Every structure is written in C-alpha cells, then in structure tokens.
Amino acid sequence: MLNELVELIHLQKIDNRIAEIETALANVPTYLKESMEHFETLEKKYNEAKAEYEANVAEKETVEKSYNENKALLDKAQKKLSTVKNSKEYEAVLKELDILKKNVNDEELKLLDLNEKIENYEKNIEEMTSKYNEAKQKLEEDKKRRDEENKELVEELEKLKAEREEQVKKIKKSTLSKYERIRKARNNLAIVRIIDETCTGCYMKVPPQLFVEVKKNVHIQQCPNCQRFLYYKEDEQEEN
C-alpha cells in the first residue's frame, strides 16, 4: 500500500478515537443531569422567594414611613382641635382627623399583613437555604465524580492530540488539506476501505475502472460520489 495512504489511515484512526472521546466527554451522565435539574429547580424557587421577601421588606419600609408621618399629623390635628375658634374650623379639623385616622388604621393593617408575610418568607427561606445548600453540595460531588470518571479519557485525548500533531507532519500539505475538507464535510470520515467495488463511506458502487485503479495502489483515488479517499485490502482482519 502507498505510504501516504498508510499515514492517512493512521490519521483517520486517531481522528476517530478523538471524536469518540469528545462525544463521551460531552455526554452528561444521568446522575449529574438529575443533580443539576434538582439544584436548578431549588435555586429558582429560592431566588423567587428571596425576591418576594426583599420586595415586602421594601414595601414595609415605605408604609412605615408613611404611617409615622400620618401619625404625627394626627397628633398635631388632635391638638389643634382644642384651639379652634368657630364651627367652620371645627368641622375642617374633624374632617382632617377622619382622613388621618383612616390612613393610620389602613397602614397599621397593612403593616400587620406585611409583617406576617415577611415572617413566613424568613421561615421559608431558612428551610430552602438548607435544601439549597444540600443540593449544591450534591451537585459539586457529582461533578467531581464525573471528572474522576473522565480523567482517563481526558488523558488519552491529550495524548491523541499530541500524536495527531506528529502524524500530520508525515502527510503532504496538499493531501492533508484535502483530507481535512472531506473529514469536515463527511462526518469525520475522510478515508474508507473499498469492498466489492463499493465505497464503505457512502455505500455507492464505484466504476469498475476506478476499482481497478484503487487495487493497483499506484495513486490515491477518491470516491466519485462522496469524494472520500479509497484504499483496498483483501483481508478484513488485516484492517485491524
């Protein structure tokens, strides 16, 4: 077999293994996926509860400020009542007192409601924080477990990439460039065996004369349908 074909076949084997490892590393194991989903669900609920809590605290501060202002005005109006000089002023002060009392009462009720909500949110957030931290720790442990499981693959991948760098140096630049174009266009497979006049990349019959040329092994030939490089071997076991 042509030496260049031998080098291309070896490069293809390296690329095949690199693709296998990268696919395996990209897959998220079920146990990690479950941990991530559980954590993300808790995180969302936690953030929603925290946002609601902070909104209620902010609203309470606003209502408290208004309540204190209205309370001060109410005290002032009550003192003013004893100083009025005629019935018109008296009625005006009474009307002001009614409005201020209503405001103060409404705000007292609002503060009671907000205090109750804030207390419930605090209790809820405390419980959620515990579950959130447990889920976070479980996720970190599962990530660590996944990384340990992938350690051998990562090491092999690094070795293969280094080996590939050396391997491509053994191939002519023009051939390598063509190989890379085909590989990218044909799902990582750029060189294939021809069996019974059939390209094993696209499974199309090639012209008989081309099959003869591939068997002669004088020049590198390509499949006219998928453009992959072709090589011929009689013994299937020799392939491995």
C-alpha atoms as a PDB file:
ATOM      1  CA  MET A   1       0.000   0.000   0.000  1.00  0.00           C
ATOM      2  CA  LEU A   2       1.119   3.556  -0.708  1.00  0.00           C
ATOM      3  CA  ASN A   3       2.922   5.007   2.267  1.00  0.00           C
ATOM      4  CA  GLU A   4       0.760   8.152   2.109  1.00  0.00           C
ATOM      5  CA  LEU A   5      -2.375   6.030   2.324  1.00  0.00           C
ATOM      6  CA  VAL A   6      -0.959   4.199   5.336  1.00  0.00           C
ATOM      7  CA  GLU A   7      -0.307   7.517   7.048  1.00  0.00           C
ATOM      8  CA  LEU A   8      -3.809   8.772   6.175  1.00  0.00           C
ATOM      9  CA  ILE A   9      -5.400   5.598   7.543  1.00  0.00           C
ATOM     10  CA  HIS A  10      -3.462   6.028  10.767  1.00  0.00           C
ATOM     11  CA  LEU A  11      -4.532   9.671  10.968  1.00  0.00           C
ATOM     12  CA  GLN A  12      -8.142   8.635  10.415  1.00  0.00           C
ATOM     13  CA  LYS A  13      -7.898   6.134  13.297  1.00  0.00           C
ATOM     14  CA  ILE A  14      -6.588   8.883  15.551  1.00  0.00           C
ATOM     15  CA  ASP A  15      -9.396  11.225  14.486  1.00  0.00           C
ATOM     16  CA  ASN A  16     -11.992   8.502  15.024  1.00  0.00           C
ATOM     17  CA  ARG A  17     -10.817   7.912  18.579  1.00  0.00           C
ATOM     18  CA  ILE A  18     -10.644  11.664  19.284  1.00  0.00           C
ATOM     19  CA  ALA A  19     -14.249  12.032  18.078  1.00  0.00           C
ATOM     20  CA  GLU A  20     -15.357   9.092  20.265  1.00  0.00           C
ATOM     21  CA  ILE A  21     -13.724  10.573  23.355  1.00  0.00           C
ATOM     22  CA  GLU A  22     -15.048  14.086  22.720  1.00  0.00           C
ATOM     23  CA  THR A  23     -18.568  12.675  22.328  1.00  0.00           C
ATOM     24  CA  ALA A  24     -18.206  10.675  25.548  1.00  0.00           C
ATOM     25  CA  LEU A  25     -16.915  13.742  27.426  1.00  0.00           C
ATOM     26  CA  ALA A  26     -19.730  15.910  26.072  1.00  0.00           C
ATOM     27  CA  ASN A  27     -22.380  13.483  27.325  1.00  0.00           C
ATOM     28  CA  VAL A  28     -23.741  14.354  30.751  1.00  0.00           C
ATOM     29  CA  PRO A  29     -24.251  11.254  32.928  1.00  0.00           C
ATOM     30  CA  THR A  30     -27.790  10.691  34.207  1.00  0.00           C
ATOM     31  CA  TYR A  31     -26.836  11.111  37.862  1.00  0.00           C
ATOM     32  CA  LEU A  32     -25.272  14.518  37.131  1.00  0.00           C
ATOM     33  CA  LYS A  33     -28.199  15.622  34.961  1.00  0.00           C
ATOM     34  CA  GLU A  34     -30.616  14.784  37.803  1.00  0.00           C
ATOM     35  CA  SER A  35     -28.469  16.685  40.324  1.00  0.00           C
ATOM     36  CA  MET A  36     -28.305  19.722  38.030  1.00  0.00           C
ATOM     37  CA  GLU A  37     -32.073  19.753  37.435  1.00  0.00           C
ATOM     38  CA  HIS A  38     -32.801  19.369  41.163  1.00  0.00           C
ATOM     39  CA  PHE A  39     -30.388  22.171  42.033  1.00  0.00           C
ATOM     40  CA  GLU A  40     -31.715  24.496  39.323  1.00  0.00           C
ATOM     41  CA  THR A  41     -35.309  23.943  40.485  1.00  0.00           C
ATOM     42  CA  LEU A  42     -34.397  24.749  44.096  1.00  0.00           C
ATOM     43  CA  GLU A  43     -32.284  27.711  43.015  1.00  0.00           C
ATOM     44  CA  LYS A  44     -35.196  29.173  41.037  1.00  0.00           C
ATOM     45  CA  LYS A  45     -37.615  28.780  43.971  1.00  0.00           C
ATOM     46  CA  TYR A  46     -35.020  30.181  46.368  1.00  0.00           C
ATOM     47  CA  ASN A  47     -34.390  33.248  44.192  1.00  0.00           C
ATOM     48  CA  GLU A  48     -38.125  33.828  43.727  1.00  0.00           C
ATOM     49  CA  ALA A  49     -38.764  33.620  47.487  1.00  0.00           C
ATOM     50  CA  LYS A  50     -35.823  35.915  48.209  1.00  0.00           C
ATOM     51  CA  ALA A  51     -37.052  38.467  45.650  1.00  0.00           C
ATOM     52  CA  GLU A  52     -40.565  38.375  47.167  1.00  0.00           C
ATOM     53  CA  TYR A  53     -39.105  38.764  50.667  1.00  0.00           C
ATOM     54  CA  GLU A  54     -36.991  41.769  49.642  1.00  0.00           C
ATOM     55  CA  ALA A  55     -39.979  43.367  47.870  1.00  0.00           C
ATOM     56  CA  ASN A  56     -42.090  43.005  51.026  1.00  0.00           C
ATOM     57  CA  VAL A  57     -39.326  44.436  53.214  1.00  0.00           C
ATOM     58  CA  ALA A  58     -39.013  47.431  50.884  1.00  0.00           C
ATOM     59  CA  GLU A  59     -42.779  47.940  50.884  1.00  0.00           C
ATOM     60  CA  LYS A  60     -42.840  47.727  54.690  1.00  0.00           C
ATOM     61  CA  GLU A  61     -40.225  50.493  54.923  1.00  0.00           C
ATOM     62  CA  THR A  62     -42.349  52.704  52.659  1.00  0.00           C
ATOM     63  CA  VAL A  63     -45.553  52.022  54.607  1.00  0.00           C
ATOM     64  CA  GLU A  64     -43.775  52.583  57.956  1.00  0.00           C
ATOM     65  CA  LYS A  65     -42.511  55.937  56.777  1.00  0.00           C
ATOM     66  CA  SER A  66     -45.998  56.993  55.634  1.00  0.00           C
ATOM     67  CA  TYR A  67     -47.530  55.630  58.860  1.00  0.00           C
ATOM     68  CA  ASN A  68     -45.154  57.669  61.046  1.00  0.00           C
ATOM     69  CA  GLU A  69     -45.848  60.802  59.022  1.00  0.00           C
ATOM     70  CA  ASN A  70     -49.646  60.344  59.229  1.00  0.00           C
ATOM     71  CA  LYS A  71     -49.401  59.526  62.959  1.00  0.00           C
ATOM     72  CA  ALA A  72     -47.522  62.775  63.555  1.00  0.00           C
ATOM     73  CA  LEU A  73     -50.126  64.694  61.547  1.00  0.00           C
ATOM     74  CA  LEU A  74     -52.913  63.005  63.509  1.00  0.00           C
ATOM     75  CA  ASP A  75     -51.354  64.015  66.848  1.00  0.00           C
ATOM     76  CA  LYS A  76     -50.964  67.554  65.554  1.00  0.00           C
ATOM     77  CA  ALA A  77     -54.602  67.687  64.341  1.00  0.00           C
ATOM     78  CA  GLN A  78     -55.887  66.375  67.683  1.00  0.00           C
ATOM     79  CA  LYS A  79     -54.016  69.166  69.496  1.00  0.00           C
ATOM     80  CA  LYS A  80     -55.360  71.678  67.008  1.00  0.00           C
ATOM     81  CA  LEU A  81     -58.937  70.616  67.824  1.00  0.00           C
ATOM     82  CA  SER A  82     -58.776  72.304  71.249  1.00  0.00           C
ATOM     83  CA  THR A  83     -57.705  75.614  69.721  1.00  0.00           C
ATOM     84  CA  VAL A  84     -60.379  76.082  67.036  1.00  0.00           C
ATOM     85  CA  LYS A  85     -62.361  79.340  67.241  1.00  0.00           C
ATOM     86  CA  ASN A  86     -65.507  78.625  65.263  1.00  0.00           C
ATOM     87  CA  SER A  87     -67.677  75.791  63.963  1.00  0.00           C
ATOM     88  CA  LYS A  88     -66.232  76.038  60.442  1.00  0.00           C
ATOM     89  CA  GLU A  89     -62.701  75.438  61.681  1.00  0.00           C
ATOM     90  CA  TYR A  90     -64.001  72.677  63.972  1.00  0.00           C
ATOM     91  CA  GLU A  91     -65.629  70.814  61.067  1.00  0.00           C
ATOM     92  CA  ALA A  92     -62.491  71.217  58.950  1.00  0.00           C
ATOM     93  CA  VAL A  93     -60.317  69.746  61.697  1.00  0.00           C
ATOM     94  CA  LEU A  94     -62.767  66.872  62.269  1.00  0.00           C
ATOM     95  CA  LYS A  95     -62.683  66.083  58.563  1.00  0.00           C
ATOM     96  CA  GLU A  96     -58.866  66.132  58.594  1.00  0.00           C
ATOM     97  CA  LEU A  97     -58.895  63.867  61.674  1.00  0.00           C
ATOM     98  CA  ASP A  98     -61.196  61.360  59.949  1.00  0.00           C
ATOM     99  CA  ILE A  99     -58.933  61.169  56.903  1.00  0.00           C
ATOM    100  CA  LEU A 100     -55.769  60.817  59.002  1.00  0.00           C
ATOM    101  CA  LYS A 101     -57.338  58.167  61.286  1.00  0.00           C
ATOM    102  CA  LYS A 102     -58.403  56.172  58.242  1.00  0.00           C
ATOM    103  CA  ASN A 103     -54.907  56.415  56.759  1.00  0.00           C
ATOM    104  CA  VAL A 104     -53.276  55.389  60.045  1.00  0.00           C
ATOM    105  CA  ASN A 105     -55.691  52.446  60.510  1.00  0.00           C
ATOM    106  CA  ASP A 106     -55.204  51.270  56.914  1.00  0.00           C
ATOM    107  CA  GLU A 107     -51.443  51.460  57.281  1.00  0.00           C
ATOM    108  CA  GLU A 108     -51.499  49.619  60.615  1.00  0.00           C
ATOM    109  CA  LEU A 109     -53.406  46.781  58.956  1.00  0.00           C
ATOM    110  CA  LYS A 110     -51.037  46.856  56.008  1.00  0.00           C
ATOM    111  CA  LEU A 111     -48.026  46.639  58.345  1.00  0.00           C
ATOM    112  CA  LEU A 112     -49.557  43.683  60.182  1.00  0.00           C
ATOM    113  CA  ASP A 113     -50.096  41.918  56.874  1.00  0.00           C
ATOM    114  CA  LEU A 114     -46.547  42.696  55.683  1.00  0.00           C
ATOM    115  CA  ASN A 115     -45.020  41.578  58.986  1.00  0.00           C
ATOM    116  CA  GLU A 116     -46.834  38.261  58.710  1.00  0.00           C
ATOM    117  CA  LYS A 117     -45.688  37.804  55.102  1.00  0.00           C
ATOM    118  CA  ILE A 118     -42.093  38.713  55.947  1.00  0.00           C
ATOM    119  CA  GLU A 119     -42.081  36.280  58.870  1.00  0.00           C
ATOM    120  CA  ASN A 120     -43.373  33.488  56.623  1.00  0.00           C
ATOM    121  CA  TYR A 121     -40.812  34.290  53.934  1.00  0.00           C
ATOM    122  CA  GLU A 122     -37.994  34.295  56.513  1.00  0.00           C
ATOM    123  CA  LYS A 123     -39.098  30.870  57.765  1.00  0.00           C
ATOM    124  CA  ASN A 124     -39.483  29.586  54.213  1.00  0.00           C
ATOM    125  CA  ILE A 125     -36.108  30.943  53.079  1.00  0.00           C
ATOM    126  CA  GLU A 126     -34.393  29.398  56.105  1.00  0.00           C
ATOM    127  CA  GLU A 127     -35.803  25.967  55.182  1.00  0.00           C
ATOM    128  CA  MET A 128     -34.988  26.481  51.497  1.00  0.00           C
ATOM    129  CA  THR A 129     -31.427  27.565  52.270  1.00  0.00           C
ATOM    130  CA  SER A 130     -30.775  24.243  53.942  1.00  0.00           C
ATOM    131  CA  LYS A 131     -32.148  22.266  50.973  1.00  0.00           C
ATOM    132  CA  TYR A 132     -30.382  24.609  48.520  1.00  0.00           C
ATOM    133  CA  ASN A 133     -27.012  24.068  50.218  1.00  0.00           C
ATOM    134  CA  GLU A 134     -27.542  20.290  50.301  1.00  0.00           C
ATOM    135  CA  ALA A 135     -28.380  20.257  46.582  1.00  0.00           C
ATOM    136  CA  LYS A 136     -25.365  22.450  45.807  1.00  0.00           C
ATOM    137  CA  GLN A 137     -23.034  20.141  47.705  1.00  0.00           C
ATOM    138  CA  LYS A 138     -24.535  17.078  45.982  1.00  0.00           C
ATOM    139  CA  LEU A 139     -24.041  18.739  42.585  1.00  0.00           C
ATOM    140  CA  GLU A 140     -20.404  19.539  43.362  1.00  0.00           C
ATOM    141  CA  GLU A 141     -19.808  15.946  44.488  1.00  0.00           C
ATOM    142  CA  ASP A 142     -21.409  14.571  41.329  1.00  0.00           C
ATOM    143  CA  LYS A 143     -19.322  16.910  39.159  1.00  0.00           C
ATOM    144  CA  LYS A 144     -16.207  15.726  40.947  1.00  0.00           C
ATOM    145  CA  ARG A 145     -17.287  12.115  40.417  1.00  0.00           C
ATOM    146  CA  ARG A 146     -17.845  12.801  36.687  1.00  0.00           C
ATOM    147  CA  ASP A 147     -14.432  14.475  36.417  1.00  0.00           C
ATOM    148  CA  GLU A 148     -12.757  11.470  38.056  1.00  0.00           C
ATOM    149  CA  GLU A 149     -14.588   9.122  35.704  1.00  0.00           C
ATOM    150  CA  ASN A 150     -13.458  11.219  32.731  1.00  0.00           C
ATOM    151  CA  LYS A 151      -9.871  11.552  33.917  1.00  0.00           C
ATOM    152  CA  GLU A 152      -8.576   8.627  31.831  1.00  0.00           C
ATOM    153  CA  LEU A 153     -10.427   9.850  28.751  1.00  0.00           C
ATOM    154  CA  VAL A 154      -9.017  13.362  29.154  1.00  0.00           C
ATOM    155  CA  GLU A 155      -5.504  11.974  29.473  1.00  0.00           C
ATOM    156  CA  GLU A 156      -5.984   9.774  26.414  1.00  0.00           C
ATOM    157  CA  LEU A 157      -7.389  12.717  24.469  1.00  0.00           C
ATOM    158  CA  GLU A 158      -4.343  14.846  25.264  1.00  0.00           C
ATOM    159  CA  LYS A 159      -2.024  12.053  24.098  1.00  0.00           C
ATOM    160  CA  LEU A 160      -4.021  11.564  20.910  1.00  0.00           C
ATOM    161  CA  LYS A 161      -3.920  15.275  20.083  1.00  0.00           C
ATOM    162  CA  ALA A 162      -0.152  15.267  20.553  1.00  0.00           C
ATOM    163  CA  GLU A 163       0.122  12.137  18.421  1.00  0.00           C
ATOM    164  CA  ARG A 164      -2.018  13.784  15.746  1.00  0.00           C
ATOM    165  CA  GLU A 165       0.265  16.792  15.601  1.00  0.00           C
ATOM    166  CA  GLU A 166       3.157  14.452  14.801  1.00  0.00           C
ATOM    167  CA  GLN A 167       1.126  12.353  12.392  1.00  0.00           C
ATOM    168  CA  VAL A 168       0.038  15.247  10.168  1.00  0.00           C
ATOM    169  CA  LYS A 169       3.713  16.125   9.633  1.00  0.00           C
ATOM    170  CA  LYS A 170       4.088  12.831   7.740  1.00  0.00           C
ATOM    171  CA  ILE A 171       1.474  13.779   5.146  1.00  0.00           C
ATOM    172  CA  LYS A 172       1.857  16.161   2.182  1.00  0.00           C
ATOM    173  CA  LYS A 173       0.192  19.507   2.838  1.00  0.00           C
ATOM    174  CA  SER A 174      -1.997  19.333  -0.263  1.00  0.00           C
ATOM    175  CA  THR A 175      -3.241  15.844   0.656  1.00  0.00           C
ATOM    176  CA  LEU A 176      -3.746  16.835   4.266  1.00  0.00           C
ATOM    177  CA  SER A 177      -5.727  19.897   3.233  1.00  0.00           C
ATOM    178  CA  LYS A 178      -7.997  17.743   1.090  1.00  0.00           C
ATOM    179  CA  TYR A 179      -8.332  15.192   3.906  1.00  0.00           C
ATOM    180  CA  GLU A 180      -9.440  17.896   6.331  1.00  0.00           C
ATOM    181  CA  ARG A 181     -12.012  19.291   3.890  1.00  0.00           C
ATOM    182  CA  ILE A 182     -13.517  15.853   3.326  1.00  0.00           C
ATOM    183  CA  ARG A 183     -13.457  14.985   7.020  1.00  0.00           C
ATOM    184  CA  LYS A 184     -15.356  18.137   7.945  1.00  0.00           C
ATOM    185  CA  ALA A 185     -17.886  17.612   5.178  1.00  0.00           C
ATOM    186  CA  ARG A 186     -18.300  13.866   5.790  1.00  0.00           C
ATOM    187  CA  ASN A 187     -18.880  13.467   9.492  1.00  0.00           C
ATOM    188  CA  ASN A 188     -15.197  12.979  10.421  1.00  0.00           C
ATOM    189  CA  LEU A 189     -14.675  10.128   7.940  1.00  0.00           C
ATOM    190  CA  ALA A 190     -12.276  11.000   5.099  1.00  0.00           C
ATOM    191  CA  ILE A 191     -10.686   7.687   4.117  1.00  0.00           C
ATOM    192  CA  VAL A 192     -12.508   4.387   3.749  1.00  0.00           C
ATOM    193  CA  ARG A 193     -11.989   0.883   2.513  1.00  0.00           C
ATOM    194  CA  ILE A 194     -13.457  -0.216  -0.807  1.00  0.00           C
ATOM    195  CA  ILE A 195     -15.113  -3.640  -0.790  1.00  0.00           C
ATOM    196  CA  ASP A 196     -16.666  -5.360  -3.788  1.00  0.00           C
ATOM    197  CA  GLU A 197     -16.415  -2.165  -5.846  1.00  0.00           C
ATOM    198  CA  THR A 198     -18.400  -0.347  -3.126  1.00  0.00           C
ATOM    199  CA  CYS A 199     -17.240   2.672  -1.152  1.00  0.00           C
ATOM    200  CA  THR A 200     -17.845   1.895   2.519  1.00  0.00           C
ATOM    201  CA  GLY A 201     -18.288   5.615   3.249  1.00  0.00           C
ATOM    202  CA  CYS A 202     -21.355   6.297   1.065  1.00  0.00           C
ATOM    203  CA  TYR A 203     -22.093   2.667   0.061  1.00  0.00           C
ATOM    204  CA  MET A 204     -22.245   3.531  -3.627  1.00  0.00           C
ATOM    205  CA  LYS A 205     -20.749   1.339  -6.347  1.00  0.00           C
ATOM    206  CA  VAL A 206     -17.720   2.902  -7.990  1.00  0.00           C
ATOM    207  CA  PRO A 207     -16.889   2.496 -11.702  1.00  0.00           C
ATOM    208  CA  PRO A 208     -15.072  -0.805 -12.412  1.00  0.00           C
ATOM    209  CA  GLN A 209     -12.026   1.010 -13.796  1.00  0.00           C
ATOM    210  CA  LEU A 210     -11.731   3.077 -10.622  1.00  0.00           C
ATOM    211  CA  PHE A 211     -11.898  -0.088  -8.539  1.00  0.00           C
ATOM    212  CA  VAL A 212      -9.032  -1.479 -10.594  1.00  0.00           C
ATOM    213  CA  GLU A 213      -7.032   1.701 -10.055  1.00  0.00           C
ATOM    214  CA  VAL A 214      -7.603   1.555  -6.303  1.00  0.00           C
ATOM    215  CA  LYS A 215      -6.449  -2.060  -6.239  1.00  0.00           C
ATOM    216  CA  LYS A 216      -3.340  -1.169  -8.234  1.00  0.00           C
ATOM    217  CA  ASN A 217      -2.450   1.151  -5.394  1.00  0.00           C
ATOM    218  CA  VAL A 218      -0.339   3.473  -7.529  1.00  0.00           C
ATOM    219  CA  HIS A 219      -2.113   6.750  -6.872  1.00  0.00           C
ATOM    220  CA  ILE A 220      -4.528   7.924  -4.199  1.00  0.00           C
ATOM    221  CA  GLN A 221      -8.081   7.649  -5.539  1.00  0.00           C
ATOM    222  CA  GLN A 222     -11.332   9.242  -4.369  1.00  0.00           C
ATOM    223  CA  CYS A 223     -14.917   8.063  -4.438  1.00  0.00           C
ATOM    224  CA  PRO A 224     -16.706   9.959  -7.263  1.00  0.00           C
ATOM    225  CA  ASN A 225     -19.831  10.217  -5.112  1.00  0.00           C
ATOM    226  CA  CYS A 226     -18.630  11.247  -1.621  1.00  0.00           C
ATOM    227  CA  GLN A 227     -15.035  12.257  -2.504  1.00  0.00           C
ATOM    228  CA  ARG A 228     -13.578  10.175   0.318  1.00  0.00           C
ATOM    229  CA  PHE A 229     -10.127   8.672  -0.194  1.00  0.00           C
ATOM    230  CA  LEU A 230     -10.289   4.976  -1.016  1.00  0.00           C
ATOM    231  CA  TYR A 231      -7.990   2.087  -0.197  1.00  0.00           C
ATOM    232  CA  TYR A 232      -8.120  -1.628  -0.823  1.00  0.00           C
ATOM    233  CA  LYS A 233      -7.309  -4.553   1.427  1.00  0.00           C
ATOM    234  CA  GLU A 234      -8.193  -8.165   0.818  1.00  0.00           C
ATOM    235  CA  ASP A 235      -8.034  -9.430   4.359  1.00  0.00           C
ATOM    236  CA  GLU A 236     -10.608  -7.918   6.710  1.00  0.00           C
ATOM    237  CA  GLN A 237      -8.573  -8.917   9.779  1.00  0.00           C
ATOM    238  CA  GLU A 238      -5.633  -7.005   8.376  1.00  0.00           C
ATOM    239  CA  GLU A 239      -7.785  -3.925   8.761  1.00  0.00           C
ATOM    240  CA  ASN A 240      -7.409  -4.057  12.497  1.00  0.00           C
END
